[in-house]
Each structure stands twice: as C-alpha cells, then as structure tokens.
C-alpha atoms as a PDB file:
ATOM      1  CA  MET A   1      -0.221   0.069  -0.156  1.00  0.00           C
ATOM      2  CA  GLN A   2       1.063   3.330  -0.833  1.00  0.00           C
ATOM      3  CA  ASN A   3       0.152   6.962   0.217  1.00  0.00           C
ATOM      4  CA  ILE A   4      -0.749   8.789  -3.334  1.00  0.00           C
ATOM      5  CA  LEU A   5      -1.705  11.871  -4.187  1.00  0.00           C
ATOM      6  CA  VAL A   6      -3.927  12.725  -7.608  1.00  0.00           C
ATOM      7  CA  THR A   7      -4.054  16.205  -8.987  1.00  0.00           C
ATOM      8  CA  GLY A   8      -7.177  16.963 -11.130  1.00  0.00           C
ATOM      9  CA  ALA A   9      -8.961  13.972  -9.635  1.00  0.00           C
ATOM     10  CA  ASN A  10     -12.268  14.823  -9.864  1.00  0.00           C
ATOM     11  CA  GLY A  11     -11.384  14.902 -14.055  1.00  0.00           C
ATOM     12  CA  PHE A  12     -11.731  12.239 -16.876  1.00  0.00           C
ATOM     13  CA  ILE A  13      -8.663  10.428 -16.459  1.00  0.00           C
ATOM     14  CA  GLY A  14      -8.296  11.393 -12.661  1.00  0.00           C
ATOM     15  CA  SER A  15     -11.212   9.853 -11.532  1.00  0.00           C
ATOM     16  CA  ASN A  16     -10.393   6.654 -13.135  1.00  0.00           C
ATOM     17  CA  LEU A  17      -7.102   6.797 -11.547  1.00  0.00           C
ATOM     18  CA  VAL A  18      -8.285   7.468  -8.264  1.00  0.00           C
ATOM     19  CA  LYS A  19     -10.558   4.722  -8.826  1.00  0.00           C
ATOM     20  CA  ARG A  20      -7.872   1.981  -9.719  1.00  0.00           C
ATOM     21  CA  LEU A  21      -5.274   3.127  -7.005  1.00  0.00           C
ATOM     22  CA  LEU A  22      -8.058   2.614  -4.381  1.00  0.00           C
ATOM     23  CA  SER A  23      -8.858  -1.197  -5.891  1.00  0.00           C
ATOM     24  CA  GLU A  24      -5.529  -1.801  -5.056  1.00  0.00           C
ATOM     25  CA  GLY A  25      -5.487  -1.222  -2.012  1.00  0.00           C
ATOM     26  CA  ASN A  26      -3.720   2.205  -2.100  1.00  0.00           C
ATOM     27  CA  LYS A  27      -4.501   4.980   0.449  1.00  0.00           C
ATOM     28  CA  VAL A  28      -5.438   8.012  -1.918  1.00  0.00           C
ATOM     29  CA  ARG A  29      -5.702  11.613  -1.417  1.00  0.00           C
ATOM     30  CA  SER A  30      -7.636  13.746  -4.061  1.00  0.00           C
ATOM     31  CA  LEU A  31      -6.224  17.183  -4.779  1.00  0.00           C
ATOM     32  CA  VAL A  32      -9.412  19.273  -6.317  1.00  0.00           C
ATOM     33  CA  ARG A  33     -10.572  22.718  -6.463  1.00  0.00           C
ATOM     34  CA  LYS A  34     -13.297  24.198  -4.350  1.00  0.00           C
ATOM     35  CA  THR A  35     -15.127  24.716  -7.296  1.00  0.00           C
ATOM     36  CA  SER A  36     -14.911  21.502  -9.015  1.00  0.00           C
ATOM     37  CA  ASP A  37     -17.440  19.027  -9.855  1.00  0.00           C
ATOM     38  CA  LEU A  38     -17.007  16.166  -7.545  1.00  0.00           C
ATOM     39  CA  SER A  39     -19.781  13.746  -8.981  1.00  0.00           C
ATOM     40  CA  PHE A  40     -17.269  11.199 -10.497  1.00  0.00           C
ATOM     41  CA  LEU A  41     -15.388  10.724  -7.008  1.00  0.00           C
ATOM     42  CA  ASN A  42     -18.522  10.097  -4.916  1.00  0.00           C
ATOM     43  CA  GLY A  43     -18.766   7.134  -3.415  1.00  0.00           C
ATOM     44  CA  LEU A  44     -14.828   6.520  -3.669  1.00  0.00           C
ATOM     45  CA  ASN A  45     -13.036   6.259  -0.252  1.00  0.00           C
ATOM     46  CA  THR A  46     -10.861   9.039  -1.069  1.00  0.00           C
ATOM     47  CA  GLU A  47      -9.497  11.822   0.934  1.00  0.00           C
ATOM     48  CA  ILE A  48     -10.663  14.850  -0.839  1.00  0.00           C
ATOM     49  CA  VAL A  49      -7.986  17.827  -0.041  1.00  0.00           C
ATOM     50  CA  TYR A  50      -8.950  21.446  -1.621  1.00  0.00           C
ATOM     51  CA  GLY A  51      -6.131  23.444  -3.299  1.00  0.00           C
ATOM     52  CA  ASP A  52      -5.060  24.709  -5.901  1.00  0.00           C
ATOM     53  CA  ILE A  53      -1.692  23.560  -8.380  1.00  0.00           C
ATOM     54  CA  ASN A  54      -1.309  27.416  -8.517  1.00  0.00           C
ATOM     55  CA  ASP A  55      -1.416  28.191  -5.123  1.00  0.00           C
ATOM     56  CA  VAL A  56       1.379  26.872  -3.831  1.00  0.00           C
ATOM     57  CA  GLU A  57       0.412  26.911   0.492  1.00  0.00           C
ATOM     58  CA  SER A  58      -2.525  24.855  -0.561  1.00  0.00           C
ATOM     59  CA  LEU A  59      -0.363  22.080  -1.822  1.00  0.00           C
ATOM     60  CA  LYS A  60       1.664  21.726   1.238  1.00  0.00           C
ATOM     61  CA  PRO A  61      -0.618  19.911   3.197  1.00  0.00           C
ATOM     62  CA  ALA A  62      -1.792  17.730   0.176  1.00  0.00           C
ATOM     63  CA  MET A  63       1.349  16.406  -0.382  1.00  0.00           C
ATOM     64  CA  LYS A  64       2.031  15.669   4.044  1.00  0.00           C
ATOM     65  CA  ASP A  65       3.389  11.878   3.991  1.00  0.00           C
ATOM     66  CA  ILE A  66       2.913  11.047   0.224  1.00  0.00           C
ATOM     67  CA  ASP A  67       4.960   8.254  -1.326  1.00  0.00           C
ATOM     68  CA  LEU A  68       3.570   8.744  -5.284  1.00  0.00           C
ATOM     69  CA  VAL A  69       2.598  12.109  -6.952  1.00  0.00           C
ATOM     70  CA  PHE A  70       0.133  11.493 -10.265  1.00  0.00           C
ATOM     71  CA  HIS A  71      -0.220  14.849 -11.584  1.00  0.00           C
ATOM     72  CA  VAL A  72      -2.842  15.157 -13.856  1.00  0.00           C
ATOM     73  CA  ALA A  73      -4.433  18.605 -13.578  1.00  0.00           C
ATOM     74  CA  GLY A  74      -4.250  20.958 -16.159  1.00  0.00           C
ATOM     75  CA  LEU A  75      -5.567  22.672 -18.632  1.00  0.00           C
ATOM     76  CA  ALA A  76      -6.523  21.013 -21.933  1.00  0.00           C
ATOM     77  CA  ALA A  77      -8.434  22.389 -24.656  1.00  0.00           C
ATOM     78  CA  ASP A  78      -7.398  23.556 -28.254  1.00  0.00           C
ATOM     79  CA  TRP A  79      -8.333  27.465 -27.408  1.00  0.00           C
ATOM     80  CA  GLY A  80      -7.794  30.456 -24.857  1.00  0.00           C
ATOM     81  CA  SER A  81      -5.145  32.355 -23.565  1.00  0.00           C
ATOM     82  CA  TYR A  82      -1.216  31.202 -23.874  1.00  0.00           C
ATOM     83  CA  ILE A  83      -0.934  33.086 -20.648  1.00  0.00           C
ATOM     84  CA  LEU A  84      -3.569  30.889 -18.725  1.00  0.00           C
ATOM     85  CA  PHE A  85      -2.188  27.522 -20.274  1.00  0.00           C
ATOM     86  CA  GLU A  86       1.196  28.640 -18.859  1.00  0.00           C
ATOM     87  CA  LYS A  87       0.139  29.791 -15.759  1.00  0.00           C
ATOM     88  CA  VAL A  88      -1.549  25.839 -15.249  1.00  0.00           C
ATOM     89  CA  ASN A  89       0.257  23.749 -17.353  1.00  0.00           C
ATOM     90  CA  PHE A  90       3.485  25.160 -16.421  1.00  0.00           C
ATOM     91  CA  GLN A  91       3.824  27.234 -13.633  1.00  0.00           C
ATOM     92  CA  GLY A  92       1.129  24.203 -12.048  1.00  0.00           C
ATOM     93  CA  THR A  93       3.779  21.893 -12.693  1.00  0.00           C
ATOM     94  CA  GLN A  94       6.533  23.665 -11.464  1.00  0.00           C
ATOM     95  CA  ASN A  95       4.973  24.396  -8.083  1.00  0.00           C
ATOM     96  CA  VAL A  96       3.544  20.468  -8.126  1.00  0.00           C
ATOM     97  CA  ALA A  97       7.297  19.470  -8.348  1.00  0.00           C
ATOM     98  CA  LYS A  98       9.126  21.905  -6.184  1.00  0.00           C
ATOM     99  CA  THR A  99       6.564  21.314  -3.550  1.00  0.00           C
ATOM    100  CA  ALA A 100       6.367  17.235  -3.503  1.00  0.00           C
ATOM    101  CA  THR A 101      10.321  17.129  -3.581  1.00  0.00           C
ATOM    102  CA  LYS A 102      10.282  19.555  -0.636  1.00  0.00           C
ATOM    103  CA  ALA A 103       7.787  17.184   0.844  1.00  0.00           C
ATOM    104  CA  GLY A 104       9.762  13.849   0.404  1.00  0.00           C
ATOM    105  CA  VAL A 105       7.723  12.396  -2.358  1.00  0.00           C
ATOM    106  CA  LYS A 106       9.590   9.706  -3.713  1.00  0.00           C
ATOM    107  CA  LYS A 107       8.127   9.483  -7.811  1.00  0.00           C
ATOM    108  CA  LEU A 108       5.979  11.577  -9.923  1.00  0.00           C
ATOM    109  CA  VAL A 109       3.953  10.525 -13.052  1.00  0.00           C
ATOM    110  CA  TYR A 110       3.320  13.386 -14.932  1.00  0.00           C
ATOM    111  CA  ILE A 111       0.408  13.329 -17.942  1.00  0.00           C
ATOM    112  CA  SER A 112       1.530  15.089 -20.310  1.00  0.00           C
ATOM    113  CA  THR A 113       0.189  15.160 -24.331  1.00  0.00           C
ATOM    114  CA  VAL A 114       1.671  13.556 -27.783  1.00  0.00           C
ATOM    115  CA  ALA A 115       0.014  16.769 -29.048  1.00  0.00           C
ATOM    116  CA  PHE A 116       3.388  18.399 -28.979  1.00  0.00           C
ATOM    117  CA  HIS A 117       4.886  16.076 -31.817  1.00  0.00           C
ATOM    118  CA  GLY A 118       1.876  17.416 -34.194  1.00  0.00           C
ATOM    119  CA  PHE A 119       0.162  15.945 -37.480  1.00  0.00           C
ATOM    120  CA  GLY A 120       0.893  14.936 -40.421  1.00  0.00           C
ATOM    121  CA  LYS A 121       3.072  11.643 -39.964  1.00  0.00           C
ATOM    122  CA  THR A 122       2.374   7.910 -38.706  1.00  0.00           C
ATOM    123  CA  ASN A 123       4.462   5.752 -36.245  1.00  0.00           C
ATOM    124  CA  MET A 124       5.945   9.077 -34.555  1.00  0.00           C
ATOM    125  CA  THR A 125       7.981   8.143 -31.557  1.00  0.00           C
ATOM    126  CA  GLU A 126       8.962   9.538 -28.076  1.00  0.00           C
ATOM    127  CA  GLU A 127      12.210  10.673 -30.267  1.00  0.00           C
ATOM    128  CA  SER A 128       9.972  12.573 -32.872  1.00  0.00           C
ATOM    129  CA  PRO A 129      10.683  16.053 -33.313  1.00  0.00           C
ATOM    130  CA  VAL A 130       8.320  19.022 -31.465  1.00  0.00           C
ATOM    131  CA  ALA A 131       6.418  20.252 -34.425  1.00  0.00           C
ATOM    132  CA  LYS A 132       6.268  24.131 -35.073  1.00  0.00           C
ATOM    133  CA  ASN A 133       3.313  26.355 -34.394  1.00  0.00           C
ATOM    134  CA  LEU A 134       1.807  24.699 -31.712  1.00  0.00           C
ATOM    135  CA  ILE A 135      -1.483  25.817 -29.703  1.00  0.00           C
ATOM    136  CA  PRO A 136      -0.599  27.047 -26.506  1.00  0.00           C
ATOM    137  CA  TYR A 137      -2.120  23.715 -24.803  1.00  0.00           C
ATOM    138  CA  ALA A 138       0.853  21.401 -26.431  1.00  0.00           C
ATOM    139  CA  GLU A 139       3.265  24.135 -26.221  1.00  0.00           C
ATOM    140  CA  THR A 140       2.802  24.873 -22.076  1.00  0.00           C
ATOM    141  CA  LYS A 141       2.925  20.852 -21.829  1.00  0.00           C
ATOM    142  CA  TYR A 142       5.779  20.601 -23.958  1.00  0.00           C
ATOM    143  CA  LYS A 143       7.535  23.293 -21.900  1.00  0.00           C
ATOM    144  CA  ALA A 144       6.638  21.492 -18.496  1.00  0.00           C
ATOM    145  CA  GLU A 145       8.037  18.282 -19.503  1.00  0.00           C
ATOM    146  CA  GLN A 146      11.092  19.951 -20.866  1.00  0.00           C
ATOM    147  CA  TRP A 147      11.576  21.591 -17.355  1.00  0.00           C
ATOM    148  CA  LEU A 148      10.994  18.572 -15.441  1.00  0.00           C
ATOM    149  CA  TRP A 149      13.650  16.895 -17.200  1.00  0.00           C
ATOM    150  CA  GLN A 150      15.670  19.719 -15.928  1.00  0.00           C
ATOM    151  CA  PHE A 151      14.339  19.911 -12.461  1.00  0.00           C
ATOM    152  CA  GLN A 152      15.302  15.894 -11.861  1.00  0.00           C
ATOM    153  CA  ASN A 153      18.818  16.642 -11.974  1.00  0.00           C
ATOM    154  CA  GLN A 154      18.242  18.906  -8.704  1.00  0.00           C
ATOM    155  CA  THR A 155      16.100  16.758  -6.720  1.00  0.00           C
ATOM    156  CA  ASP A 156      16.176  12.695  -5.837  1.00  0.00           C
ATOM    157  CA  MET A 157      12.432  12.406  -6.642  1.00  0.00           C
ATOM    158  CA  LYS A 158      12.347  10.354  -9.718  1.00  0.00           C
ATOM    159  CA  ILE A 159       9.947  11.795 -12.551  1.00  0.00           C
ATOM    160  CA  THR A 160       8.397   9.714 -15.180  1.00  0.00           C
ATOM    161  CA  ALA A 161       6.155  11.438 -18.228  1.00  0.00           C
ATOM    162  CA  VAL A 162       3.161   9.451 -19.709  1.00  0.00           C
ATOM    163  CA  ARG A 163       1.887  10.915 -23.296  1.00  0.00           C
ATOM    164  CA  PRO A 164      -1.509   9.933 -24.024  1.00  0.00           C
ATOM    165  CA  GLY A 165      -2.679   9.593 -27.404  1.00  0.00           C
ATOM    166  CA  ASN A 166      -6.522  10.656 -28.159  1.00  0.00           C
ATOM    167  CA  VAL A 167      -8.268   9.294 -24.857  1.00  0.00           C
ATOM    168  CA  PHE A 168     -11.904   8.354 -24.822  1.00  0.00           C
ATOM    169  CA  GLY A 169     -14.134   5.952 -22.447  1.00  0.00           C
ATOM    170  CA  ILE A 170     -15.964   6.557 -19.516  1.00  0.00           C
ATOM    171  CA  ASN A 171     -16.238  10.074 -17.510  1.00  0.00           C
ATOM    172  CA  ASP A 172     -15.223  11.255 -20.776  1.00  0.00           C
ATOM    173  CA  ARG A 173     -17.143  14.516 -21.167  1.00  0.00           C
ATOM    174  CA  THR A 174     -14.907  16.578 -23.141  1.00  0.00           C
ATOM    175  CA  PHE A 175     -14.520  14.683 -26.044  1.00  0.00           C
ATOM    176  CA  MET A 176     -16.746  11.749 -26.084  1.00  0.00           C
ATOM    177  CA  LEU A 177     -20.283  13.060 -25.080  1.00  0.00           C
ATOM    178  CA  LYS A 178     -20.333  15.642 -27.458  1.00  0.00           C
ATOM    179  CA  TYR A 179     -18.563  13.628 -30.051  1.00  0.00           C
ATOM    180  CA  LEU A 180     -21.672  10.560 -29.941  1.00  0.00           C
ATOM    181  CA  GLU A 181     -24.025  13.431 -29.282  1.00  0.00           C
ATOM    182  CA  ALA A 182     -22.993  14.700 -32.778  1.00  0.00           C
ATOM    183  CA  MET A 183     -23.279  11.526 -34.283  1.00  0.00           C
ATOM    184  CA  GLN A 184     -26.293  10.417 -32.868  1.00  0.00           C
ATOM    185  CA  THR A 185     -28.386  13.619 -33.984  1.00  0.00           C
ATOM    186  CA  GLY A 186     -26.996  13.532 -37.236  1.00  0.00           C
ATOM    187  CA  LYS A 187     -24.785  16.987 -36.758  1.00  0.00           C
ATOM    188  CA  PHE A 188     -21.783  15.023 -37.519  1.00  0.00           C
ATOM    189  CA  MET A 189     -19.067  15.282 -40.348  1.00  0.00           C
ATOM    190  CA  GLU A 190     -16.095  13.410 -41.298  1.00  0.00           C
ATOM    191  CA  VAL A 191     -12.690  15.178 -42.873  1.00  0.00           C
ATOM    192  CA  ASN A 192     -11.629  13.711 -46.051  1.00  0.00           C
ATOM    193  CA  LYS A 193     -13.968  10.926 -45.748  1.00  0.00           C
ATOM    194  CA  GLY A 194     -12.191   9.677 -42.195  1.00  0.00           C
ATOM    195  CA  ARG A 195      -9.018   8.485 -43.880  1.00  0.00           C
ATOM    196  CA  SER A 196      -6.336  10.078 -41.694  1.00  0.00           C
ATOM    197  CA  LYS A 197      -5.050   7.537 -39.089  1.00  0.00           C
ATOM    198  CA  THR A 198      -5.734   8.205 -35.322  1.00  0.00           C
ATOM    199  CA  CYS A 199      -4.468   7.264 -31.912  1.00  0.00           C
ATOM    200  CA  PRO A 200      -7.061   6.252 -29.827  1.00  0.00           C
ATOM    201  CA  VAL A 201      -6.493   5.214 -26.099  1.00  0.00           C
ATOM    202  CA  PHE A 202      -9.177   3.614 -23.965  1.00  0.00           C
ATOM    203  CA  ILE A 203      -9.160   4.825 -20.109  1.00  0.00           C
ATOM    204  CA  ASP A 204      -8.951   1.592 -18.963  1.00  0.00           C
ATOM    205  CA  ASN A 205      -5.804   0.875 -20.977  1.00  0.00           C
ATOM    206  CA  LEU A 206      -4.029   4.485 -20.473  1.00  0.00           C
ATOM    207  CA  ILE A 207      -4.827   3.767 -16.528  1.00  0.00           C
ATOM    208  CA  ASP A 208      -2.941   0.354 -16.929  1.00  0.00           C
ATOM    209  CA  ILE A 209      -0.068   2.207 -18.391  1.00  0.00           C
ATOM    210  CA  ILE A 210       0.399   5.190 -15.695  1.00  0.00           C
ATOM    211  CA  THR A 211      -0.005   2.506 -12.834  1.00  0.00           C
ATOM    212  CA  LEU A 212       2.405   0.398 -14.762  1.00  0.00           C
ATOM    213  CA  VAL A 213       5.597   3.211 -15.166  1.00  0.00           C
ATOM    214  CA  SER A 214       4.874   4.783 -11.530  1.00  0.00           C
ATOM    215  CA  ARG A 215       5.605   1.001  -9.930  1.00  0.00           C
ATOM    216  CA  GLU A 216       8.989   0.109 -12.631  1.00  0.00           C
ATOM    217  CA  ALA A 217      12.460   1.925 -11.796  1.00  0.00           C
ATOM    218  CA  LYS A 218      13.320   1.256 -15.250  1.00  0.00           C
ATOM    219  CA  ALA A 219      10.309   4.052 -15.895  1.00  0.00           C
ATOM    220  CA  ASP A 220      12.205   6.530 -14.159  1.00  0.00           C
ATOM    221  CA  GLY A 221      13.755   9.623 -16.036  1.00  0.00           C
ATOM    222  CA  GLN A 222      11.665   8.211 -19.023  1.00  0.00           C
ATOM    223  CA  ALA A 223       8.640   9.498 -21.419  1.00  0.00           C
ATOM    224  CA  PHE A 224       6.326   6.988 -22.734  1.00  0.00           C
ATOM    225  CA  ILE A 225       3.658   7.353 -25.708  1.00  0.00           C
ATOM    226  CA  ALA A 226       0.368   5.898 -24.488  1.00  0.00           C
ATOM    227  CA  THR A 227      -2.043   4.997 -27.376  1.00  0.00           C
ATOM    228  CA  ASP A 228      -4.268   1.162 -27.981  1.00  0.00           C
ATOM    229  CA  GLY A 229      -1.029   0.675 -30.697  1.00  0.00           C
ATOM    230  CA  LEU A 230      -3.773   0.499 -33.379  1.00  0.00           C
ATOM    231  CA  ASP A 231      -2.972   0.898 -37.248  1.00  0.00           C
ATOM    232  CA  ILE A 232      -6.907   2.683 -37.832  1.00  0.00           C
ATOM    233  CA  ASN A 233      -8.480   5.629 -39.373  1.00  0.00           C
ATOM    234  CA  TRP A 234     -10.866   7.809 -37.818  1.00  0.00           C
ATOM    235  CA  HIS A 235     -13.999   6.203 -40.491  1.00  0.00           C
ATOM    236  CA  THR A 236     -13.143   2.782 -38.678  1.00  0.00           C
ATOM    237  CA  PHE A 237     -13.077   4.025 -35.193  1.00  0.00           C
ATOM    238  CA  ASN A 238     -16.573   6.382 -36.292  1.00  0.00           C
ATOM    239  CA  SER A 239     -17.606   3.147 -37.716  1.00  0.00           C
ATOM    240  CA  LYS A 240     -17.723   1.285 -34.255  1.00  0.00           C
ATOM    241  CA  LEU A 241     -18.823   4.020 -32.526  1.00  0.00           C
ATOM    242  CA  ALA A 242     -22.116   4.162 -34.441  1.00  0.00           C
ATOM    243  CA  ASP A 243     -22.325   0.288 -34.687  1.00  0.00           C
ATOM    244  CA  ALA A 244     -22.727   0.014 -30.791  1.00  0.00           C
ATOM    245  CA  LEU A 245     -24.893   3.181 -30.847  1.00  0.00           C
ATOM    246  CA  GLY A 246     -27.363   1.117 -33.379  1.00  0.00           C
ATOM    247  CA  ILE A 247     -27.666   3.937 -35.962  1.00  0.00           C
ATOM    248  CA  LYS A 248     -25.813   4.552 -39.630  1.00  0.00           C
ATOM    249  CA  LEU A 249     -22.698   6.734 -39.664  1.00  0.00           C
ATOM    250  CA  PRO A 250     -23.530  10.135 -41.015  1.00  0.00           C
ATOM    251  CA  LYS A 251     -22.273  10.330 -44.714  1.00  0.00           C
ATOM    252  CA  ALA A 252     -20.975  13.740 -44.942  1.00  0.00           C
ATOM    253  CA  SER A 253     -18.096  14.517 -45.438  1.00  0.00           C
ATOM    254  CA  ILE A 254     -15.872  17.736 -45.837  1.00  0.00           C
ATOM    255  CA  PRO A 255     -12.328  18.289 -47.397  1.00  0.00           C
ATOM    256  CA  TYR A 256      -9.469  19.327 -45.627  1.00  0.00           C
ATOM    257  CA  SER A 257      -9.021  21.974 -48.215  1.00  0.00           C
ATOM    258  CA  VAL A 258     -12.116  23.549 -47.591  1.00  0.00           C
ATOM    259  CA  ALA A 259     -12.167  22.736 -43.725  1.00  0.00           C
ATOM    260  CA  TYR A 260      -9.318  23.794 -42.142  1.00  0.00           C
ATOM    261  CA  PRO A 261      -9.573  27.699 -44.204  1.00  0.00           C
ATOM    262  CA  VAL A 262     -13.063  28.091 -42.461  1.00  0.00           C
ATOM    263  CA  ALA A 263     -11.879  26.635 -39.111  1.00  0.00           C
ATOM    264  CA  LYS A 264      -8.974  29.523 -38.989  1.00  0.00           C
ATOM    265  CA  ILE A 265     -11.365  32.533 -40.065  1.00  0.00           C
ATOM    266  CA  TYR A 266     -13.958  31.446 -37.051  1.00  0.00           C
ATOM    267  CA  TYR A 267     -11.373  30.994 -34.602  1.00  0.00           C
ATOM    268  CA  GLY A 268      -9.817  33.816 -35.627  1.00  0.00           C
ATOM    269  CA  VAL A 269     -13.142  35.587 -35.971  1.00  0.00           C
ATOM    270  CA  HIS A 270     -13.869  34.411 -32.245  1.00  0.00           C
ATOM    271  CA  LYS A 271     -10.512  35.417 -30.931  1.00  0.00           C
ATOM    272  CA  THR A 272     -10.953  38.999 -32.032  1.00  0.00           C
ATOM    273  CA  LEU A 273     -14.035  39.256 -30.871  1.00  0.00           C
ATOM    274  CA  GLY A 274     -13.084  38.309 -27.186  1.00  0.00           C
ATOM    275  CA  LEU A 275     -15.973  35.134 -26.871  1.00  0.00           C
ATOM    276  CA  LYS A 276     -15.643  33.489 -24.124  1.00  0.00           C
ATOM    277  CA  SER A 277     -17.844  30.591 -25.694  1.00  0.00           C
ATOM    278  CA  GLU A 278     -15.947  27.672 -26.877  1.00  0.00           C
ATOM    279  CA  PRO A 279     -15.492  27.649 -30.891  1.00  0.00           C
ATOM    280  CA  PHE A 280     -17.174  25.118 -32.746  1.00  0.00           C
ATOM    281  CA  LEU A 281     -14.381  24.709 -34.948  1.00  0.00           C
ATOM    282  CA  THR A 282     -10.705  25.164 -34.485  1.00  0.00           C
ATOM    283  CA  PRO A 283      -7.212  24.456 -36.705  1.00  0.00           C
ATOM    284  CA  TYR A 284      -6.521  21.689 -34.043  1.00  0.00           C
ATOM    285  CA  ARG A 285      -9.749  19.767 -34.458  1.00  0.00           C
ATOM    286  CA  ILE A 286      -9.497  19.794 -38.374  1.00  0.00           C
ATOM    287  CA  ASN A 287      -5.872  18.674 -37.900  1.00  0.00           C
ATOM    288  CA  ASN A 288      -6.701  16.101 -35.854  1.00  0.00           C
ATOM    289  CA  GLY A 289      -9.383  14.752 -38.233  1.00  0.00           C
ATOM    290  CA  GLY A 290      -8.109  15.381 -41.400  1.00  0.00           C
ATOM    291  CA  LYS A 291      -4.109  14.646 -41.215  1.00  0.00           C
ATOM    292  CA  ASP A 292      -2.331  11.455 -39.849  1.00  0.00           C
ATOM    293  CA  TYR A 293      -1.991  11.484 -36.432  1.00  0.00           C
ATOM    294  CA  HIS A 294      -0.569   8.089 -35.000  1.00  0.00           C
ATOM    295  CA  PHE A 295       1.800   7.149 -32.855  1.00  0.00           C
ATOM    296  CA  SER A 296       4.120   3.964 -32.087  1.00  0.00           C
ATOM    297  CA  ILE A 297       3.957   2.301 -28.572  1.00  0.00           C
ATOM    298  CA  ASN A 298       6.871   0.263 -29.247  1.00  0.00           C
ATOM    299  CA  LYS A 299       9.186   1.636 -26.456  1.00  0.00           C
ATOM    300  CA  LEU A 300       6.385   0.547 -23.743  1.00  0.00           C
ATOM    301  CA  GLU A 301       6.628  -2.939 -25.605  1.00  0.00           C
ATOM    302  CA  GLN A 302       9.967  -3.275 -25.224  1.00  0.00           C
ATOM    303  CA  PHE A 303      10.767  -1.610 -21.834  1.00  0.00           C
ATOM    304  CA  PHE A 304       7.614  -3.735 -20.420  1.00  0.00           C
ATOM    305  CA  ASP A 305       6.237  -6.015 -23.065  1.00  0.00           C
ATOM    306  CA  TYR A 306       2.849  -4.290 -22.879  1.00  0.00           C
ATOM    307  CA  GLN A 307       0.070  -4.909 -24.550  1.00  0.00           C
ATOM    308  CA  PRO A 308      -3.353  -3.202 -24.450  1.00  0.00           C
ATOM    309  CA  GLN A 309      -5.554  -5.354 -22.380  1.00  0.00           C
ATOM    310  CA  THR A 310      -9.061  -3.879 -23.348  1.00  0.00           C
ATOM    311  CA  GLY A 311      -9.585  -4.758 -27.419  1.00  0.00           C
ATOM    312  CA  LEU A 312     -11.248  -1.467 -29.515  1.00  0.00           C
ATOM    313  CA  ASN A 313     -14.697  -3.324 -29.503  1.00  0.00           C
ATOM    314  CA  GLU A 314     -15.239  -4.001 -25.832  1.00  0.00           C
ATOM    315  CA  ALA A 315     -13.692  -0.491 -25.142  1.00  0.00           C
ATOM    316  CA  VAL A 316     -16.229   1.070 -27.779  1.00  0.00           C
ATOM    317  CA  GLU A 317     -19.343  -0.538 -25.964  1.00  0.00           C
ATOM    318  CA  LYS A 318     -18.058   0.510 -22.339  1.00  0.00           C
ATOM    319  CA  THR A 319     -18.154   3.621 -23.962  1.00  0.00           C
ATOM    320  CA  VAL A 320     -21.396   3.986 -25.645  1.00  0.00           C
ATOM    321  CA  ALA A 321     -22.753   1.745 -22.451  1.00  0.00           C
ATOM    322  CA  TRP A 322     -21.829   4.638 -19.920  1.00  0.00           C
ATOM    323  CA  TYR A 323     -22.831   7.655 -22.829  1.00  0.00           C
ATOM    324  CA  LYS A 324     -26.038   5.851 -22.455  1.00  0.00           C
ATOM    325  CA  LYS A 325     -26.496   5.955 -19.171  1.00  0.00           C
ATOM    326  CA  ALA A 326     -24.958   9.611 -18.753  1.00  0.00           C
ATOM    327  CA  LYS A 327     -27.886  10.755 -21.151  1.00  0.00           C
ATOM    328  CA  SER A 328     -30.511   9.170 -19.621  1.00  0.00           C
ATOM    329  CA  SER A 329     -29.662  10.749 -16.362  1.00  0.00           C
ATOM    330  CA  LYS A 330     -29.482  14.350 -17.366  1.00  0.00           C
END
C-alpha cells in the first residue's frame, strides 16, 4: 500500500485513476479545487483535499506523508489565452514538482501529451521532433515536460512522463459525450471521409500504463507514448461507435482543403471578438481529423512487454454504454 496524491482527481483521467488506485489497496488523496464538480468521485473512499496547483501554500498539506504523486491536473483545450495555459500547465507543474520534492515524495508521474509532436505523420515515437506553431495547450505541456527533465537533476525524486493519445471512455465529458451526441443527432461530419489515421487510447488501458510506469524503476527519467497501438483511421473508429449506438454513420464529409481555412477564419473571428464560449471549429480539430496523427508504442512494448488489455470493440461498447447512461440521467 502506498500513500498517493492525484492532482485533478475529479476529471476524466483523474477519477478513473483514483478508482483504480483504491481498488489496488492504496490510500489515495484527491486534490481538487473548491469549485470542482466531484460527481465522479462520489462513493469512492478517497480523501478530498481542496487546493490549487497555482497556490503553493495549498499544496503543502496535500503533499504531507505522500509517497507518489500523479500530476494529472492541467488545462486541456484547443483554444484560449496562452498566459492562462502557461500559468496552469507550466507554472502549476513547477509548483507541484517543487512542493513534492520538499515534502519527500519519492516519485512523480506527469501526464503529458502527444500533441506537441504535431500532425501529418504516422508511427511517431517519443523521439519524434516537436512540431512548429503549436497551440498554447501543446506548447505549455511540452515546456513543462522539458522543465521536469532539467529539474530531475536537482532532486532525488524520480520522474516519469506519460504522453497519451486521443483518450476516450467512461467519464469522458470533454470529447466523447459531445462526439457521440453529434453522431446520434446527425450533426456530424468526417474530414476527408475519415481516411486519416488516429491514435485512440481507451481509458482503462491508459490507466494500466500510468500505474505500470509508476511501479517500475526502469521507467524513471523516461517518457512513454500511450495509445492502444492500433493502425486505424477515423472512419473505422467512427463506424464502430455508430454500430455500438445502433445507428448508421452519417455520410457527410468535408475536404480538408475546405475545412481548415474555414476553421482558421472561424477561430480568428472568435478570438478577435474575445468570445468566452468554446469555438465550434478550430484548426486543431480539423488537423486531428484530417491529417495522420498516429504513434508507435514500441517503447512500452520493449520496456515492459506491454499489450493493451481491453480491445477496441470492448472499449467502444463500454464507452457507448456509459454515454447512454449519462444521457438518460440528465
């Protein structure tokens, strides 16, 4: 049994991680903000601690007597102010790491992203170059990860980074809830008929990877790309979702050459007017759906002989079952 702290514990990845850690007999402390929706943590035997990764004083009691920190909290969006992303994703990570070190934490697992590797390639690895003109989310996550590699030389605390692909599954209100609703209501359109390769990772498989690297000493000082290792395009993925929903996949499709300029204009107008509502279209979303965005998990396989435990069909069925339950409870 370990004493574990999970930042961002109330979110999609965080709540699934807390549930898994508790099932393995660990004592889990969940760091959440006072304004957080705690519905995903209801009924879980976790200690709730209120704090903020940008408030160092609030982090000190959260880190007391902790052996292992999973730093999941962050600002994940494809639009918004760079200043805010830097504050949360970069400065917040610095605060967590520095406070953890002073508290004597033995290991920190940082949830990073594959997004800073960019679009337009397949079979990318941990060593693939960083793309240019990154969105603030990807740039600040990369900046935080690079800082952590420098910081590890100043501390006895071990650090590992996990870079998830397109995460989907239970409690996924950010992506899958909206995506399946659009598909079900017919307000759905593929880019280039869904031919581009994608990088799904089912939440249970991602949690397997996150907990695996936290236990293994040879993961220390390493970054690992985390996907389901599939050679799959969006159309295949979308077709499986539609089948599980019991509907026909909408046939609407838009060429990338049309969609991308429209998204840039739409996003630019949204930004210029200073609107706070989420843009319907962004260049990132069109790139994600219209360009290859595919990664190798060869490093995970070589280090740990890793293979995803939940196959795509089962993952899709579980995701759609959760979606239907979530919709019916509204």
